[in-house]
């Protein structure tokens, strides 16, 4: 969606995002608000947007999911 984001640990549960790389992750209300303010920086917004897009493509693209499914099938057939 090309939108940088701030989330909680519950919001990314099961997803291996890295706080400060693709997004901000915090459970502290004051830090959450501070991280939202940090996103006023256009360079940071762009970095997070690019990082999150690359992360999603490398983990959840059709080709990656197909490869993972094929690996599971191969393991089952062994």
PDB file of N, CA and C in Angstrom:
ATOM      1  N   UNK A   1       0.817  -1.195   0.000  1.00  0.00           N
ATOM      2  CA  UNK A   1       0.000   0.000   0.000  1.00  0.00           C
ATOM      3  C   UNK A   1       0.860   1.258   0.000  1.00  0.00           C
ATOM      4  N   UNK A   2       2.168   1.103   0.155  1.00  0.00           N
ATOM      5  CA  UNK A   2       3.092   2.247   0.153  1.00  0.00           C
ATOM      6  C   UNK A   2       2.805   3.248   1.259  1.00  0.00           C
ATOM      7  N   UNK A   3       2.468   2.727   2.421  1.00  0.00           N
ATOM      8  CA  UNK A   3       2.198   3.576   3.585  1.00  0.00           C
ATOM      9  C   UNK A   3       3.111   3.120   4.719  1.00  0.00           C
ATOM     10  N   UNK A   4       3.990   3.997   5.202  1.00  0.00           N
ATOM     11  CA  UNK A   4       4.831   3.620   6.342  1.00  0.00           C
ATOM     12  C   UNK A   4       3.947   3.440   7.567  1.00  0.00           C
ATOM     13  N   UNK A   5       4.390   2.603   8.506  1.00  0.00           N
ATOM     14  CA  UNK A   5       3.520   2.340   9.642  1.00  0.00           C
ATOM     15  C   UNK A   5       4.259   2.174  10.957  1.00  0.00           C
ATOM     16  N   UNK A   6       3.492   2.435  12.015  1.00  0.00           N
ATOM     17  CA  UNK A   6       3.900   2.193  13.396  1.00  0.00           C
ATOM     18  C   UNK A   6       2.912   1.174  13.925  1.00  0.00           C
ATOM     19  N   UNK A   7       3.400   0.163  14.601  1.00  0.00           N
ATOM     20  CA  UNK A   7       2.526  -0.896  15.093  1.00  0.00           C
ATOM     21  C   UNK A   7       3.005  -1.401  16.446  1.00  0.00           C
ATOM     22  N   UNK A   8       2.244  -2.316  17.003  1.00  0.00           N
ATOM     23  CA  UNK A   8       2.613  -2.945  18.269  1.00  0.00           C
ATOM     24  C   UNK A   8       3.184  -4.336  17.994  1.00  0.00           C
ATOM     25  N   UNK A   9       3.716  -4.963  19.018  1.00  0.00           N
ATOM     26  CA  UNK A   9       4.232  -6.323  18.855  1.00  0.00           C
ATOM     27  C   UNK A   9       3.102  -7.278  18.470  1.00  0.00           C
ATOM     28  N   UNK A  10       1.893  -7.023  18.948  1.00  0.00           N
ATOM     29  CA  UNK A  10       0.748  -7.854  18.568  1.00  0.00           C
ATOM     30  C   UNK A  10       0.412  -7.637  17.092  1.00  0.00           C
ATOM     31  N   UNK A  11       0.556  -6.404  16.621  1.00  0.00           N
ATOM     32  CA  UNK A  11       0.248  -6.086  15.229  1.00  0.00           C
ATOM     33  C   UNK A  11       1.136  -6.792  14.222  1.00  0.00           C
ATOM     34  N   UNK A  12       2.328  -7.158  14.620  1.00  0.00           N
ATOM     35  CA  UNK A  12       3.240  -7.871  13.712  1.00  0.00           C
ATOM     36  C   UNK A  12       3.546  -9.280  14.208  1.00  0.00           C
ATOM     37  N   UNK A  13       2.720  -9.763  15.109  1.00  0.00           N
ATOM     38  CA  UNK A  13       2.934 -11.114  15.643  1.00  0.00           C
ATOM     39  C   UNK A  13       2.978 -12.126  14.503  1.00  0.00           C
ATOM     40  N   UNK A  14       4.033 -12.903  14.472  1.00  0.00           N
ATOM     41  CA  UNK A  14       4.205 -13.909  13.434  1.00  0.00           C
ATOM     42  C   UNK A  14       4.841 -13.381  12.156  1.00  0.00           C
ATOM     43  N   UNK A  15       5.082 -12.079  12.091  1.00  0.00           N
ATOM     44  CA  UNK A  15       5.714 -11.475  10.920  1.00  0.00           C
ATOM     45  C   UNK A  15       7.080 -10.946  11.333  1.00  0.00           C
ATOM     46  N   UNK A  16       8.125 -11.354  10.658  1.00  0.00           N
ATOM     47  CA  UNK A  16       9.474 -10.973  11.102  1.00  0.00           C
ATOM     48  C   UNK A  16       9.924  -9.579  10.660  1.00  0.00           C
ATOM     49  N   UNK A  17       9.083  -8.569  10.884  1.00  0.00           N
ATOM     50  CA  UNK A  17       9.492  -7.190  10.623  1.00  0.00           C
ATOM     51  C   UNK A  17      10.522  -6.765  11.662  1.00  0.00           C
ATOM     52  N   UNK A  18      11.380  -5.828  11.304  1.00  0.00           N
ATOM     53  CA  UNK A  18      12.385  -5.309  12.217  1.00  0.00           C
ATOM     54  C   UNK A  18      12.083  -3.843  12.488  1.00  0.00           C
ATOM     55  N   UNK A  19      11.900  -3.505  13.759  1.00  0.00           N
ATOM     56  CA  UNK A  19      11.617  -2.120  14.124  1.00  0.00           C
ATOM     57  C   UNK A  19      12.791  -1.237  13.731  1.00  0.00           C
ATOM     58  N   UNK A  20      12.480  -0.133  13.068  1.00  0.00           N
ATOM     59  CA  UNK A  20      13.510   0.777  12.619  1.00  0.00           C
ATOM     60  C   UNK A  20      14.014   0.480  11.220  1.00  0.00           C
ATOM     61  N   UNK A  21      13.610  -0.658  10.674  1.00  0.00           N
ATOM     62  CA  UNK A  21      14.039  -1.020   9.318  1.00  0.00           C
ATOM     63  C   UNK A  21      12.873  -0.885   8.337  1.00  0.00           C
ATOM     64  N   UNK A  22      11.776  -1.594   8.602  1.00  0.00           N
ATOM     65  CA  UNK A  22      10.611  -1.525   7.715  1.00  0.00           C
ATOM     66  C   UNK A  22       9.457  -0.741   8.336  1.00  0.00           C
ATOM     67  N   UNK A  23       9.534  -0.543   9.646  1.00  0.00           N
ATOM     68  CA  UNK A  23       8.454   0.115  10.387  1.00  0.00           C
ATOM     69  C   UNK A  23       8.971   0.418  11.791  1.00  0.00           C
ATOM     70  N   UNK A  24       8.107   0.989  12.628  1.00  0.00           N
ATOM     71  CA  UNK A  24       8.399   1.102  14.052  1.00  0.00           C
ATOM     72  C   UNK A  24       7.485   0.132  14.781  1.00  0.00           C
ATOM     73  N   UNK A  25       8.044  -0.595  15.745  1.00  0.00           N
ATOM     74  CA  UNK A  25       7.263  -1.523  16.564  1.00  0.00           C
ATOM     75  C   UNK A  25       7.474  -1.146  18.022  1.00  0.00           C
ATOM     76  N   UNK A  26       6.392  -0.833  18.706  1.00  0.00           N
ATOM     77  CA  UNK A  26       6.493  -0.488  20.118  1.00  0.00           C
ATOM     78  C   UNK A  26       5.172  -0.752  20.823  1.00  0.00           C
ATOM     79  N   UNK A  27       5.254  -1.083  22.085  1.00  0.00           N
ATOM     80  CA  UNK A  27       4.064  -1.287  22.911  1.00  0.00           C
ATOM     81  C   UNK A  27       3.888  -0.150  23.911  1.00  0.00           C
ATOM     82  N   UNK A  28       4.779   0.821  23.889  1.00  0.00           N
ATOM     83  CA  UNK A  28       4.722   1.962  24.800  1.00  0.00           C
ATOM     84  C   UNK A  28       3.944   3.107  24.142  1.00  0.00           C
ATOM     85  N   UNK A  29       2.872   3.590  24.764  1.00  0.00           N
ATOM     86  CA  UNK A  29       2.047   4.639  24.147  1.00  0.00           C
ATOM     87  C   UNK A  29       2.815   5.910  23.788  1.00  0.00           C
ATOM     88  N   UNK A  30       3.709   6.362  24.674  1.00  0.00           N
ATOM     89  CA  UNK A  30       4.466   7.583  24.389  1.00  0.00           C
ATOM     90  C   UNK A  30       5.423   7.372  23.217  1.00  0.00           C
ATOM     91  N   UNK A  31       6.062   6.219  23.194  1.00  0.00           N
ATOM     92  CA  UNK A  31       6.983   5.911  22.099  1.00  0.00           C
ATOM     93  C   UNK A  31       6.209   5.759  20.786  1.00  0.00           C
ATOM     94  N   UNK A  32       5.023   5.180  20.858  1.00  0.00           N
ATOM     95  CA  UNK A  32       4.177   5.028  19.675  1.00  0.00           C
ATOM     96  C   UNK A  32       3.890   6.402  19.066  1.00  0.00           C
ATOM     97  N   UNK A  33       3.472   7.342  19.918  1.00  0.00           N
ATOM     98  CA  UNK A  33       3.178   8.705  19.456  1.00  0.00           C
ATOM     99  C   UNK A  33       4.441   9.368  18.899  1.00  0.00           C
ATOM    100  N   UNK A  34       5.561   9.176  19.582  1.00  0.00           N
ATOM    101  CA  UNK A  34       6.825   9.755  19.123  1.00  0.00           C
ATOM    102  C   UNK A  34       7.223   9.182  17.765  1.00  0.00           C
ATOM    103  N   UNK A  35       7.023   7.883  17.587  1.00  0.00           N
ATOM    104  CA  UNK A  35       7.369   7.250  16.307  1.00  0.00           C
ATOM    105  C   UNK A  35       6.488   7.771  15.170  1.00  0.00           C
ATOM    106  N   UNK A  36       5.219   8.030  15.461  1.00  0.00           N
ATOM    107  CA  UNK A  36       4.340   8.613  14.445  1.00  0.00           C
ATOM    108  C   UNK A  36       4.877   9.984  14.033  1.00  0.00           C
ATOM    109  N   UNK A  37       5.301  10.784  15.009  1.00  0.00           N
ATOM    110  CA  UNK A  37       5.869  12.101  14.704  1.00  0.00           C
ATOM    111  C   UNK A  37       7.136  11.981  13.859  1.00  0.00           C
ATOM    112  N   UNK A  38       7.935  10.957  14.114  1.00  0.00           N
ATOM    113  CA  UNK A  38       9.160  10.759  13.342  1.00  0.00           C
ATOM    114  C   UNK A  38       8.860  10.553  11.862  1.00  0.00           C
ATOM    115  N   UNK A  39       7.676  10.027  11.569  1.00  0.00           N
ATOM    116  CA  UNK A  39       7.314   9.764  10.178  1.00  0.00           C
ATOM    117  C   UNK A  39       6.997  11.036   9.396  1.00  0.00           C
ATOM    118  N   UNK A  40       7.129  12.193  10.044  1.00  0.00           N
ATOM    119  CA  UNK A  40       7.021  13.461   9.315  1.00  0.00           C
ATOM    120  C   UNK A  40       8.216  13.643   8.387  1.00  0.00           C
ATOM    121  N   UNK A  41       9.306  12.930   8.660  1.00  0.00           N
ATOM    122  CA  UNK A  41      10.522  13.011   7.849  1.00  0.00           C
ATOM    123  C   UNK A  41      10.311  12.264   6.525  1.00  0.00           C
ATOM    124  N   UNK A  42      10.314  12.976   5.396  1.00  0.00           N
ATOM    125  CA  UNK A  42      10.071  12.327   4.099  1.00  0.00           C
ATOM    126  C   UNK A  42      11.066  11.203   3.784  1.00  0.00           C
ATOM    127  N   UNK A  43      12.322  11.384   4.158  1.00  0.00           N
ATOM    128  CA  UNK A  43      13.332  10.354   3.876  1.00  0.00           C
ATOM    129  C   UNK A  43      13.036   9.079   4.663  1.00  0.00           C
ATOM    130  N   UNK A  44      12.625   9.227   5.905  1.00  0.00           N
ATOM    131  CA  UNK A  44      12.292   8.064   6.732  1.00  0.00           C
ATOM    132  C   UNK A  44      11.055   7.359   6.174  1.00  0.00           C
ATOM    133  N   UNK A  45      10.055   8.142   5.788  1.00  0.00           N
ATOM    134  CA  UNK A  45       8.845   7.547   5.202  1.00  0.00           C
ATOM    135  C   UNK A  45       9.196   6.744   3.954  1.00  0.00           C
ATOM    136  N   UNK A  46      10.037   7.311   3.116  1.00  0.00           N
ATOM    137  CA  UNK A  46      10.431   6.619   1.892  1.00  0.00           C
ATOM    138  C   UNK A  46      11.220   5.348   2.211  1.00  0.00           C
ATOM    139  N   UNK A  47      12.133   5.440   3.176  1.00  0.00           N
ATOM    140  CA  UNK A  47      12.931   4.263   3.546  1.00  0.00           C
ATOM    141  C   UNK A  47      12.041   3.140   4.082  1.00  0.00           C
ATOM    142  N   UNK A  48      11.081   3.498   4.957  1.00  0.00           N
ATOM    143  CA  UNK A  48      10.174   2.491   5.508  1.00  0.00           C
ATOM    144  C   UNK A  48       9.280   1.904   4.420  1.00  0.00           C
ATOM    145  N   UNK A  49       8.791   2.757   3.522  1.00  0.00           N
ATOM    146  CA  UNK A  49       7.933   2.276   2.443  1.00  0.00           C
ATOM    147  C   UNK A  49       8.685   1.287   1.563  1.00  0.00           C
ATOM    148  N   UNK A  50       9.901   1.640   1.158  1.00  0.00           N
ATOM    149  CA  UNK A  50      10.707   0.743   0.327  1.00  0.00           C
ATOM    150  C   UNK A  50      11.069  -0.529   1.084  1.00  0.00           C
ATOM    151  N   UNK A  51      11.443  -0.375   2.354  1.00  0.00           N
ATOM    152  CA  UNK A  51      11.814  -1.542   3.154  1.00  0.00           C
ATOM    153  C   UNK A  51      10.651  -2.502   3.358  1.00  0.00           C
ATOM    154  N   UNK A  52       9.476  -1.975   3.657  1.00  0.00           N
ATOM    155  CA  UNK A  52       8.308  -2.833   3.863  1.00  0.00           C
ATOM    156  C   UNK A  52       7.896  -3.514   2.566  1.00  0.00           C
ATOM    157  N   UNK A  53       7.931  -2.778   1.459  1.00  0.00           N
ATOM    158  CA  UNK A  53       7.594  -3.386   0.170  1.00  0.00           C
ATOM    159  C   UNK A  53       8.562  -4.510  -0.184  1.00  0.00           C
ATOM    160  N   UNK A  54       9.843  -4.272   0.003  1.00  0.00           N
ATOM    161  CA  UNK A  54      10.842  -5.303  -0.290  1.00  0.00           C
ATOM    162  C   UNK A  54      10.647  -6.507   0.625  1.00  0.00           C
ATOM    163  N   UNK A  55      10.353  -6.253   1.891  1.00  0.00           N
ATOM    164  CA  UNK A  55      10.113  -7.336   2.849  1.00  0.00           C
ATOM    165  C   UNK A  55       8.939  -8.199   2.399  1.00  0.00           C
ATOM    166  N   UNK A  56       7.822  -7.556   2.070  1.00  0.00           N
ATOM    167  CA  UNK A  56       6.626  -8.303   1.667  1.00  0.00           C
ATOM    168  C   UNK A  56       6.895  -9.095   0.396  1.00  0.00           C
ATOM    169  N   UNK A  57       7.549  -8.483  -0.576  1.00  0.00           N
ATOM    170  CA  UNK A  57       7.847  -9.195  -1.821  1.00  0.00           C
ATOM    171  C   UNK A  57       8.770 -10.382  -1.582  1.00  0.00           C
ATOM    172  N   UNK A  58       9.751 -10.217  -0.703  1.00  0.00           N
ATOM    173  CA  UNK A  58      10.710 -11.303  -0.480  1.00  0.00           C
ATOM    174  C   UNK A  58      10.139 -12.433   0.382  1.00  0.00           C
ATOM    175  N   UNK A  59       9.086 -12.168   1.138  1.00  0.00           N
ATOM    176  CA  UNK A  59       8.505 -13.191   2.003  1.00  0.00           C
ATOM    177  C   UNK A  59       7.147 -13.716   1.537  1.00  0.00           C
ATOM    178  N   UNK A  60       6.393 -12.894   0.805  1.00  0.00           N
ATOM    179  CA  UNK A  60       5.000 -13.245   0.541  1.00  0.00           C
ATOM    180  C   UNK A  60       4.566 -13.075  -0.908  1.00  0.00           C
ATOM    181  N   UNK A  61       5.492 -12.914  -1.824  1.00  0.00           N
ATOM    182  CA  UNK A  61       5.102 -12.817  -3.235  1.00  0.00           C
ATOM    183  C   UNK A  61       4.563 -14.172  -3.689  1.00  0.00           C
ATOM    184  N   UNK A  62       3.859 -14.152  -4.796  1.00  0.00           N
ATOM    185  CA  UNK A  62       3.304 -15.391  -5.345  1.00  0.00           C
ATOM    186  C   UNK A  62       4.401 -16.428  -5.559  1.00  0.00           C
ATOM    187  N   UNK A  63       5.521 -16.015  -6.142  1.00  0.00           N
ATOM    188  CA  UNK A  63       6.610 -16.964  -6.419  1.00  0.00           C
ATOM    189  C   UNK A  63       7.179 -17.565  -5.140  1.00  0.00           C
ATOM    190  N   UNK A  64       7.355 -16.737  -4.114  1.00  0.00           N
ATOM    191  CA  UNK A  64       7.889 -17.234  -2.838  1.00  0.00           C
ATOM    192  C   UNK A  64       6.908 -18.205  -2.196  1.00  0.00           C
ATOM    193  N   UNK A  65       5.636 -17.851  -2.179  1.00  0.00           N
ATOM    194  CA  UNK A  65       4.630 -18.731  -1.584  1.00  0.00           C
ATOM    195  C   UNK A  65       4.517 -20.041  -2.357  1.00  0.00           C
ATOM    196  N   UNK A  66       4.617 -19.971  -3.678  1.00  0.00           N
ATOM    197  CA  UNK A  66       4.583 -21.188  -4.498  1.00  0.00           C
ATOM    198  C   UNK A  66       5.781 -22.080  -4.181  1.00  0.00           C
ATOM    199  N   UNK A  67       6.959 -21.467  -4.065  1.00  0.00           N
ATOM    200  CA  UNK A  67       8.168 -22.235  -3.720  1.00  0.00           C
ATOM    201  C   UNK A  67       8.012 -22.898  -2.355  1.00  0.00           C
ATOM    202  N   UNK A  68       7.492 -22.154  -1.387  1.00  0.00           N
ATOM    203  CA  UNK A  68       7.288 -22.721  -0.053  1.00  0.00           C
ATOM    204  C   UNK A  68       6.318 -23.894  -0.093  1.00  0.00           C
ATOM    205  N   UNK A  69       5.221 -23.735  -0.845  1.00  0.00           N
ATOM    206  CA  UNK A  69       4.244 -24.818  -0.974  1.00  0.00           C
ATOM    207  C   UNK A  69       4.887 -26.033  -1.631  1.00  0.00           C
ATOM    208  N   UNK A  70       5.656 -25.808  -2.688  1.00  0.00           N
ATOM    209  CA  UNK A  70       6.328 -26.915  -3.373  1.00  0.00           C
ATOM    210  C   UNK A  70       7.311 -27.618  -2.443  1.00  0.00           C
ATOM    211  N   UNK A  71       8.009 -26.871  -1.619  1.00  0.00           N
ATOM    212  CA  UNK A  71       8.932 -27.468  -0.641  1.00  0.00           C
ATOM    213  C   UNK A  71       8.179 -28.350   0.350  1.00  0.00           C
ATOM    214  N   UNK A  72       7.032 -27.882   0.793  1.00  0.00           N
ATOM    215  CA  UNK A  72       6.214 -28.679   1.720  1.00  0.00           C
ATOM    216  C   UNK A  72       5.782 -29.979   1.057  1.00  0.00           C
ATOM    217  N   UNK A  73       5.321 -29.894  -0.183  1.00  0.00           N
ATOM    218  CA  UNK A  73       4.901 -31.095  -0.901  1.00  0.00           C
ATOM    219  C   UNK A  73       6.058 -32.068  -1.072  1.00  0.00           C
ATOM    220  N   UNK A  74       7.252 -31.532  -1.413  1.00  0.00           N
ATOM    221  CA  UNK A  74       8.414 -32.406  -1.562  1.00  0.00           C
ATOM    222  C   UNK A  74       8.750 -33.108  -0.247  1.00  0.00           C
ATOM    223  N   UNK A  75       8.672 -32.366   0.862  1.00  0.00           N
ATOM    224  CA  UNK A  75       8.945 -32.967   2.170  1.00  0.00           C
ATOM    225  C   UNK A  75       7.941 -34.066   2.508  1.00  0.00           C
ATOM    226  N   UNK A  76       6.696 -33.851   2.170  1.00  0.00           N
ATOM    227  CA  UNK A  76       5.660 -34.840   2.442  1.00  0.00           C
ATOM    228  C   UNK A  76       5.904 -36.119   1.636  1.00  0.00           C
ATOM    229  N   UNK A  77       6.346 -35.956   0.397  1.00  0.00           N
ATOM    230  CA  UNK A  77       6.539 -37.104  -0.485  1.00  0.00           C
ATOM    231  C   UNK A  77       7.813 -37.887  -0.184  1.00  0.00           C
ATOM    232  N   UNK A  78       8.683 -37.356   0.629  1.00  0.00           N
ATOM    233  CA  UNK A  78       9.938 -38.073   0.956  1.00  0.00           C
ATOM    234  C   UNK A  78       9.683 -39.236   1.858  1.00  0.00           C
TER     235      UNK A  78
END
